[in-house]
Protein backbone atom coordinates (compact mmCIF):
# COMPACT_ATOMS: atom_id res chain seq x y z
CA UNK A 1 -13.25 7.63 -53.26
CA UNK A 2 -11.37 5.27 -51.44
CA UNK A 3 -11.76 4.59 -47.44
CA UNK A 4 -8.26 4.08 -45.80
CA UNK A 5 -7.45 0.21 -45.45
CA UNK A 6 -6.54 0.63 -42.18
CA UNK A 7 -10.46 1.74 -41.41
CA UNK A 8 -12.03 -1.06 -43.21
CA UNK A 9 -9.63 -3.47 -41.46
CA UNK A 10 -10.03 -2.39 -37.95
CA UNK A 11 -11.88 -4.24 -35.25
CA UNK A 12 -14.84 -3.22 -33.49
CA UNK A 13 -14.41 -2.81 -29.82
CA UNK A 14 -17.16 -5.43 -28.80
CA UNK A 15 -17.36 -4.36 -24.98
CA UNK A 16 -18.56 -0.97 -26.41
CA UNK A 17 -21.03 -2.39 -28.75
CA UNK A 18 -22.74 -4.36 -25.59
CA UNK A 19 -22.83 -1.03 -23.78
CA UNK A 20 -25.00 0.22 -26.50
CA UNK A 21 -26.89 -2.81 -26.73
CA UNK A 22 -27.62 -2.54 -22.90
CA UNK A 23 -28.59 1.12 -23.27
CA UNK A 24 -30.84 0.39 -26.52
CA UNK A 25 -32.59 -2.34 -23.78
CA UNK A 26 -32.94 0.32 -21.58
CA UNK A 27 -34.80 2.44 -23.42
CA UNK A 28 -37.24 -0.32 -24.17
CA UNK A 29 -37.92 0.23 -20.37
CA UNK A 30 -35.71 -3.19 -19.13
CA UNK A 31 -33.59 -2.59 -16.19
CA UNK A 32 -30.18 -3.94 -17.33
CA UNK A 33 -26.78 -4.92 -15.12
CA UNK A 34 -23.82 -3.50 -16.97
CA UNK A 35 -20.78 -5.61 -16.05
CA UNK A 36 -19.12 -5.17 -19.85
CA UNK A 37 -17.46 -1.40 -19.23
CA UNK A 38 -14.26 -0.75 -17.30
CA UNK A 39 -15.98 2.17 -15.66
CA UNK A 40 -15.71 2.58 -12.03
CA UNK A 41 -19.18 3.80 -10.74
CA UNK A 42 -17.43 5.84 -8.18
CA UNK A 43 -16.77 9.24 -10.27
CA UNK A 44 -14.20 11.69 -9.79
CA UNK A 45 -13.37 12.76 -6.11
CA UNK A 46 -15.23 15.55 -4.81
CA UNK A 47 -12.46 17.35 -4.54
CA UNK A 48 -11.78 17.08 -8.37
CA UNK A 49 -15.32 18.08 -9.42
CA UNK A 50 -15.71 21.41 -7.03
CA UNK A 51 -12.06 22.39 -9.01
CA UNK A 52 -13.85 21.79 -11.99
CA UNK A 53 -16.83 24.26 -11.34
CA UNK A 54 -14.03 26.66 -10.31
CA UNK A 55 -12.17 26.52 -12.91
CA UNK A 56 -15.07 26.93 -15.51
CA UNK A 57 -16.13 30.79 -14.25
CA UNK A 58 -15.26 32.25 -17.34
CA UNK A 59 -11.62 32.57 -16.60
CA UNK A 60 -10.00 32.29 -20.18
CA UNK A 61 -8.39 28.75 -20.75
CA UNK A 62 -5.87 28.46 -23.25
CA UNK A 63 -3.75 25.98 -24.70
CA UNK A 64 -1.49 24.32 -22.88
CA UNK A 65 2.02 23.11 -23.89
CA UNK A 66 1.64 20.38 -25.78
CA UNK A 67 3.31 18.30 -23.45
CA UNK A 68 1.20 19.23 -20.34
CA UNK A 69 0.54 21.62 -17.65
CA UNK A 70 4.03 21.56 -15.90
CA UNK A 71 1.90 22.00 -12.49
CA UNK A 72 0.16 18.89 -12.99
CA UNK A 73 3.51 17.06 -14.68
CA UNK A 74 4.94 17.93 -11.05
CA UNK A 75 2.36 16.45 -9.18
CA UNK A 76 2.13 13.00 -11.25
CA UNK A 77 5.86 13.12 -10.30
CA UNK A 78 5.25 13.81 -6.77
CA UNK A 79 2.75 10.69 -6.96
CA UNK A 80 5.40 8.11 -8.19
CA UNK A 81 7.65 9.47 -5.38
CA UNK A 82 5.01 9.34 -2.59
CA UNK A 83 3.34 5.93 -4.14
CA UNK A 84 5.89 4.13 -5.68
CA UNK A 85 9.45 5.88 -4.36
CA UNK A 86 10.47 6.33 -8.06
CA UNK A 87 12.17 9.36 -9.04
CA UNK A 88 10.53 10.78 -12.47
CA UNK A 89 12.11 14.06 -13.85
CA UNK A 90 8.59 16.04 -14.79
CA UNK A 91 10.07 16.56 -18.18
CA UNK A 92 9.53 13.17 -19.18
CA UNK A 93 5.99 13.47 -18.10
CA UNK A 94 3.88 13.90 -21.20
CA UNK A 95 -0.22 14.79 -20.25
CA UNK A 96 -2.25 13.40 -22.79
CA UNK A 97 -6.05 13.17 -23.51
CA UNK A 98 -6.46 9.91 -22.02
CA UNK A 99 -4.15 6.87 -21.99
CA UNK A 100 -5.57 5.92 -25.33
CA UNK A 101 -3.75 9.17 -26.79
CA UNK A 102 -0.86 8.15 -24.78
CA UNK A 103 -0.49 4.79 -26.57
CA UNK A 104 -1.06 6.96 -29.78
CA UNK A 105 2.27 8.60 -29.15
CA UNK A 106 4.27 5.46 -27.78
CA UNK A 107 3.24 3.27 -30.51
CA UNK A 108 3.79 6.37 -33.53
CA UNK A 109 6.79 7.06 -31.63
CA UNK A 110 8.37 3.86 -31.60
CA UNK A 111 7.01 1.75 -34.64
CA UNK A 112 8.04 1.77 -38.47
CA UNK A 113 6.39 -0.40 -41.08
CA UNK A 114 7.37 -3.70 -41.09
CA UNK A 115 8.00 -3.51 -37.56
CA UNK A 116 7.40 -6.48 -35.01
CA UNK A 117 5.59 -5.72 -31.83
CA UNK A 118 5.11 -8.70 -29.15
CA UNK A 119 1.77 -8.50 -27.62
CA UNK A 120 0.13 -11.00 -25.08
CA UNK A 121 -3.37 -12.77 -26.40
CA UNK A 122 -5.63 -12.08 -24.59
CA UNK A 123 -4.87 -8.47 -24.26
CA UNK A 124 -6.59 -4.97 -24.48
CA UNK A 125 -7.79 -4.97 -28.05
CA UNK A 126 -6.60 -1.32 -29.02
CA UNK A 127 -3.13 -1.66 -28.91
CA UNK A 128 -3.26 -4.39 -31.73
CA UNK A 129 -5.13 -1.87 -33.85
CA UNK A 130 -2.41 1.09 -33.05
CA UNK A 131 0.39 -0.65 -33.89
CA UNK A 132 -1.33 -1.65 -37.23
CA UNK A 133 -2.44 1.66 -38.07
CA UNK A 134 1.48 3.01 -38.06
CA UNK A 135 2.51 0.09 -40.03
CA UNK A 136 3.71 -2.44 -37.52
CA UNK A 137 3.13 -6.10 -37.74
CA UNK A 138 1.48 -7.44 -34.31
CA UNK A 139 2.87 -10.89 -33.07
CA UNK A 140 0.07 -12.12 -30.53
CA UNK A 141 1.50 -14.73 -28.30
CA UNK A 142 -0.94 -17.03 -27.05
CA UNK A 143 -1.04 -17.17 -23.05
CA UNK A 144 -2.43 -19.35 -20.86
CA UNK A 145 -3.51 -20.03 -17.07
CA UNK A 146 0.32 -21.17 -16.47
CA UNK A 147 1.62 -17.50 -16.95
CA UNK A 148 -1.47 -16.04 -15.84
CA UNK A 149 -2.64 -14.99 -19.06
CA UNK A 150 0.71 -12.82 -19.53
CA UNK A 151 3.50 -12.98 -21.37
CA UNK A 152 6.72 -14.16 -19.81
CA UNK A 153 10.54 -14.30 -20.92
CA UNK A 154 10.32 -18.07 -22.47
CA UNK A 155 7.58 -17.05 -24.58
CA UNK A 156 9.30 -13.87 -25.62
CA UNK A 157 12.46 -15.45 -26.67
CA UNK A 158 10.07 -18.12 -28.71
CA UNK A 159 8.22 -15.49 -30.56
CA UNK A 160 11.35 -12.97 -31.09
CA UNK A 161 12.69 -12.55 -34.55
CA UNK A 162 15.20 -9.84 -36.11
CA UNK A 163 12.35 -7.44 -36.86
CA UNK A 164 10.79 -7.31 -33.29
CA UNK A 165 11.38 -4.09 -32.04
CA UNK A 166 8.64 -3.63 -28.93
CA UNK A 167 7.59 -5.66 -26.41
CA UNK A 168 3.83 -4.62 -25.60
CA UNK A 169 2.34 -5.39 -21.90
CA UNK A 170 0.25 -4.43 -19.31
CA UNK A 171 0.30 -5.27 -15.92
CA UNK A 172 -2.20 -5.71 -14.43
CA UNK A 173 -4.01 -6.92 -17.48
CA UNK A 174 -7.07 -5.95 -19.18
CA UNK A 175 -9.44 -8.55 -19.57
CA UNK A 176 -7.72 -10.41 -16.84
CA UNK A 177 -6.59 -7.86 -13.89
CA UNK A 178 -3.70 -10.11 -13.52
CA UNK A 179 -0.42 -9.18 -12.88
CA UNK A 180 2.94 -10.07 -14.10
CA UNK A 181 5.00 -11.55 -11.29
CA UNK A 182 7.53 -8.69 -10.57
CA UNK A 183 11.17 -10.83 -10.87
CA UNK A 184 9.19 -11.54 -14.46
CA UNK A 185 8.67 -8.64 -15.28
CA UNK A 186 12.11 -7.61 -14.22
CA UNK A 187 13.22 -10.17 -16.68
CA UNK A 188 11.13 -9.21 -19.87
CA UNK A 189 12.67 -5.74 -19.75
CA UNK A 190 16.49 -6.67 -19.25
CA UNK A 191 15.75 -9.32 -22.20
CA UNK A 192 14.44 -6.75 -24.85
CA UNK A 193 16.47 -3.32 -23.27
CA UNK A 194 19.45 -5.79 -24.18
CA UNK A 195 18.03 -6.72 -27.16
CA UNK A 196 17.99 -3.24 -28.40
CA UNK A 197 14.10 -3.05 -28.31
CA UNK A 198 11.35 -0.91 -26.88
CA UNK A 199 9.21 -1.70 -23.73
CA UNK A 200 5.67 -0.54 -23.73
CA UNK A 201 4.26 -0.89 -20.45
CA UNK A 202 0.44 -0.17 -19.69
CA UNK A 203 0.25 0.37 -15.51
CA UNK A 204 -3.00 2.49 -15.94
CA UNK A 205 -4.74 -0.36 -13.28
CA UNK A 206 -1.01 -0.39 -11.16
CA UNK A 207 -2.47 1.60 -8.30
CA UNK A 208 -5.40 -0.69 -7.95
CA UNK A 209 -3.27 -3.35 -7.94
CA UNK A 210 -2.88 -5.89 -4.83
CA UNK A 211 -0.55 -4.42 -1.96
CA UNK A 212 1.73 -6.60 -0.67
CA UNK A 213 2.27 -8.37 2.69
CA UNK A 214 3.61 -5.60 4.47
CA UNK A 215 0.58 -3.21 2.71
CA UNK A 216 3.17 -1.61 0.23
CA UNK A 217 1.74 -0.68 -3.13
CA UNK A 218 2.77 -2.12 -6.07
CA UNK A 219 5.81 -1.30 -7.79
CA UNK A 220 5.93 0.66 -11.19
CA UNK A 221 8.15 -0.72 -13.58
CA UNK A 222 10.26 1.90 -13.37
CA UNK A 223 11.98 0.71 -10.53
CA UNK A 224 13.55 -1.46 -12.79
CA UNK A 225 13.54 -0.08 -16.31
CA UNK A 226 13.88 3.70 -15.90
CA UNK A 227 13.94 3.82 -19.53
CA UNK A 228 10.46 1.93 -20.10
CA UNK A 229 7.79 3.81 -21.93
CA UNK A 230 5.05 3.65 -19.48
CA UNK A 231 1.28 4.31 -19.45
CA UNK A 232 -0.67 6.03 -17.00
CA UNK A 233 -4.16 7.18 -16.55
CA UNK A 234 -6.79 9.21 -14.81
CA UNK A 235 -9.79 7.34 -15.73
CA UNK A 236 -9.19 3.73 -13.30
CA UNK A 237 -7.83 4.51 -9.90
CA UNK A 238 -8.79 8.14 -10.21
CA UNK A 239 -12.26 7.37 -11.31
CA UNK A 240 -12.11 9.82 -14.26
CA UNK A 241 -13.12 7.96 -17.33
CA UNK A 242 -15.06 10.51 -19.65
CA UNK A 243 -12.24 13.40 -18.53
CA UNK A 244 -9.90 11.84 -21.12
CA UNK A 245 -6.98 12.25 -19.28
CA UNK A 246 -3.86 10.90 -18.93
CA UNK A 247 -0.18 10.70 -19.26
CA UNK A 248 2.82 8.65 -20.66
CA UNK A 249 6.74 8.33 -18.96
CA UNK A 250 9.07 9.18 -21.83
CA UNK A 251 12.75 8.44 -21.62
CA UNK A 252 14.62 10.94 -22.82
CA UNK A 253 15.81 10.14 -25.83
CA UNK A 254 12.14 10.40 -27.12
CA UNK A 255 11.33 13.84 -25.34
CA UNK A 256 11.57 15.56 -29.12
CA UNK A 257 9.97 13.24 -30.91
CA UNK A 258 7.23 12.75 -28.42
CA UNK A 259 6.56 16.64 -28.19
CA UNK A 260 6.17 16.75 -31.93
CA UNK A 261 3.79 14.37 -32.42
CA UNK A 262 1.71 15.38 -29.63
CA UNK A 263 1.87 18.91 -30.70
CA UNK A 264 0.64 17.81 -34.18
CA UNK A 265 -1.87 14.90 -33.18
CA UNK A 266 -3.53 16.65 -30.51
CA UNK A 267 -2.37 20.33 -29.52
CA UNK A 268 -2.82 19.20 -25.71
CA UNK A 269 -5.37 17.60 -23.52
CA UNK A 270 -7.78 19.56 -22.15
CA UNK A 271 -6.94 22.73 -20.48
CA UNK A 272 -9.72 22.77 -17.91
CA UNK A 273 -9.53 18.69 -17.02
CA UNK A 274 -5.88 19.51 -16.44
CA UNK A 275 -6.48 22.14 -14.05
CA UNK A 276 -9.53 20.53 -12.09
CA UNK A 277 -7.05 16.73 -11.83
CA UNK A 278 -4.27 18.83 -9.59
CA UNK A 279 -7.31 18.44 -7.01
CA UNK A 280 -6.53 14.53 -7.63
CA UNK A 281 -3.41 14.72 -5.76
CA UNK A 282 -4.55 16.03 -2.62
CA UNK A 283 -3.94 13.99 0.59
CA UNK A 284 -8.09 13.88 1.00
CA UNK A 285 -8.36 12.85 -2.37
CA UNK A 286 -5.65 10.35 -2.25
CA UNK A 287 -7.34 8.65 0.97
CA UNK A 288 -10.94 8.48 -0.85
CA UNK A 289 -9.14 6.74 -3.71
CA UNK A 290 -7.73 3.91 -1.54
CA UNK A 291 -11.01 3.24 0.44
CA UNK A 292 -12.30 2.57 -2.77
CA UNK A 293 -9.65 0.79 -3.73
CA UNK A 294 -10.30 -1.49 -0.69
CA UNK A 295 -13.86 -1.46 -1.81
CA UNK A 296 -13.00 -3.32 -4.78
CA UNK A 297 -10.82 -5.98 -3.25
CA UNK A 298 -14.78 -6.62 -1.13
CA UNK A 299 -16.56 -6.42 -4.81
CA UNK A 300 -13.88 -8.99 -6.20
CA UNK A 301 -14.61 -11.17 -3.37
CA UNK A 302 -18.13 -11.23 -3.93
CA UNK A 303 -17.80 -11.97 -8.10
CA UNK A 304 -15.40 -14.54 -7.15
CA UNK A 305 -17.79 -16.24 -4.56
CA UNK A 306 -20.73 -15.60 -6.79
CA UNK A 307 -19.01 -17.39 -9.96
CA UNK A 308 -18.12 -20.35 -8.33
CA UNK A 309 -21.69 -20.72 -6.99
CA UNK A 310 -23.36 -20.50 -10.30
CA UNK A 311 -20.24 -23.08 -11.64
CA UNK A 312 -18.34 -20.86 -13.66
CA UNK A 313 -14.48 -21.16 -13.28
CA UNK A 314 -12.38 -18.33 -12.78
CA UNK A 315 -8.84 -19.96 -14.46
CA UNK A 316 -6.67 -17.09 -13.19
CA UNK A 317 -7.75 -15.43 -9.84
CA UNK A 318 -6.69 -11.36 -10.68
CA UNK A 319 -4.97 -9.31 -8.61
CA UNK A 320 -5.84 -6.21 -9.56
CA UNK A 321 -7.68 -3.68 -11.95
CA UNK A 322 -11.61 -4.78 -11.60
CA UNK A 323 -12.03 -7.56 -14.30
CA UNK A 324 -12.01 -11.32 -13.77
CA UNK A 325 -12.03 -13.71 -16.99
CA UNK A 326 -14.10 -16.95 -16.83
CA UNK A 327 -14.51 -19.78 -18.64
CA UNK A 328 -17.74 -20.24 -20.14
CA UNK A 329 -16.38 -23.58 -22.22
CA UNK A 330 -18.65 -25.98 -20.03
CA UNK A 331 -22.00 -24.50 -20.84
CA UNK A 332 -21.76 -25.36 -23.81
CA UNK A 333 -22.04 -21.99 -25.76
CA UNK A 334 -19.06 -20.37 -27.37
CA UNK A 335 -18.69 -16.84 -25.41
CA UNK A 336 -20.22 -14.71 -27.66
CA UNK A 337 -23.85 -16.55 -27.58
CA UNK A 338 -23.29 -16.61 -23.83
CA UNK A 339 -22.95 -12.71 -23.70
CA UNK A 340 -25.61 -12.31 -26.58
CA UNK A 341 -28.08 -14.82 -24.44
CA UNK A 342 -26.90 -13.52 -21.19
CA UNK A 343 -28.16 -9.49 -22.38
CA UNK A 344 -31.33 -10.76 -24.00
CA UNK A 345 -32.65 -12.98 -21.27
CA UNK A 346 -31.25 -12.39 -18.45
CA UNK A 347 -30.47 -8.64 -19.08
CA UNK A 348 -26.82 -8.67 -18.01
CA UNK A 349 -24.51 -7.14 -20.08
CA UNK A 350 -20.76 -8.91 -20.59
CA UNK A 351 -17.94 -8.71 -22.92
CA UNK A 352 -17.25 -12.04 -24.73
CA UNK A 353 -13.42 -13.00 -24.89
CA UNK A 354 -13.41 -12.17 -28.89
CA UNK A 355 -12.27 -8.57 -27.96
CA UNK A 356 -9.29 -9.56 -26.50
CA UNK A 357 -7.81 -11.86 -28.98
CA UNK A 358 -8.06 -15.61 -30.47
CA UNK A 359 -6.36 -17.91 -27.74
CA UNK A 360 -9.69 -17.36 -25.32
CA UNK A 361 -12.30 -15.96 -27.60
CA UNK A 362 -14.29 -18.64 -27.89
CA UNK A 363 -13.92 -20.05 -24.72
CA UNK A 364 -13.78 -16.79 -22.07
CA UNK A 365 -15.76 -14.02 -20.87
CA UNK A 366 -14.38 -10.67 -19.05
CA UNK A 367 -16.84 -9.36 -16.28
CA UNK A 368 -16.49 -6.21 -14.88
CA UNK A 369 -16.63 -5.49 -11.04
CA UNK A 370 -16.39 -1.77 -10.88
CA UNK A 371 -20.39 -1.57 -10.72
CA UNK A 372 -22.10 -1.25 -6.80
CA UNK A 373 -22.56 -4.57 -4.62
CA UNK A 374 -25.93 -4.63 -5.24
CA UNK A 375 -25.32 -4.50 -8.91
CA UNK A 376 -22.96 -7.47 -8.84
CA UNK A 377 -24.93 -9.60 -6.76
CA UNK A 378 -27.96 -8.93 -8.50
CA UNK A 379 -26.30 -9.77 -11.67
CA UNK A 380 -24.65 -12.92 -10.43
CA UNK A 381 -28.22 -14.35 -9.59
CA UNK A 382 -29.72 -13.74 -12.99
CA UNK A 383 -26.42 -15.27 -14.36
CA UNK A 384 -27.01 -18.47 -12.34
CA UNK A 385 -30.99 -18.41 -13.16
CA UNK A 386 -29.79 -18.40 -16.85
CA UNK A 387 -27.86 -21.30 -16.67
CA UNK A 388 -29.98 -23.14 -14.50
CA UNK A 389 -32.08 -22.29 -17.69
CA UNK A 390 -29.51 -23.85 -19.86
CA UNK A 391 -28.91 -27.28 -17.78
CA UNK A 392 -31.00 -29.87 -19.49
CA UNK A 393 -33.92 -31.22 -17.19
CA UNK A 394 -32.50 -33.79 -14.46
CA UNK A 395 -32.91 -37.74 -15.87
CA UNK A 396 -36.43 -39.00 -13.77
């Protein structure tokens, strides 16, 4: 029997592996500060948890339509209107089993074997694996602090060939927490649209992005590119990681194709999770979520100040998500060794740059500040002690 080549060639997601190693250390009696996984410690809003308890009262929970519960599609559309002043037809919103399933549908609907997909390096690793799974060719474009570790118009033009079919971006980004400046995002979409390429824009961290000077929320790409394919999620801003619920906003021309793929791949997203998620959009829940966003800003500052104190530079200050991508090249260790030793000796779990591409694989480490303030302070103190132990003794 032969294992499919795509399964043999798929790279592991090292952030998950480090989380498992951290759990093993905890099982051995060690206290580990977990700063590796992008998982908010808040959990779902109280109203969502209560709604789930009510839903699980023994009532029948049949399949929803493949594209999702109509009431939830309408709530998400209202959220775009209220939060981002953008009108989105609920029929264009497909509810999925997490943003991961949304990405599967987006790539499956737009990628044929041999199609090239332009992706930033560094970026979320699973996107590369999805493109390859459908026979696409990943064109990884090395980025730098000058472009905030993001694609820009000039880098896309340089990478473009007659086989380019999609530009795939995330703003704010994982692992850097950095957004694409909105004017640049508009230019990127205009370029790709004019050249007949799809734009897949991951906005799962959008509502955790910094507000503007007038305290207006960060704007969705849909305001300048209504036909972009936009990925959304209940995991990050809404704190519902394990609920596995997300969505994708699709252009009308993809509606039939995506519905067919959705019913064949997944049938539908979890019915009880969809029903409970309706409570995420109440005024009380949204107020709680905004309080959490502001709390994350305080946590970010704790991390930035702490990394400065212990001598680990951050080339690009994040303006969204809950990640800091710092440079370890000055320690004399590559990022993989740094993370291994930080976990084994300091019991701090981080994620090496190898997860996110080639350009920063050996020099950078991702830290998630989704943990509590106390955990962050303790983790930074431990890292400071770890770095002090690495330093050679001062000359007599």
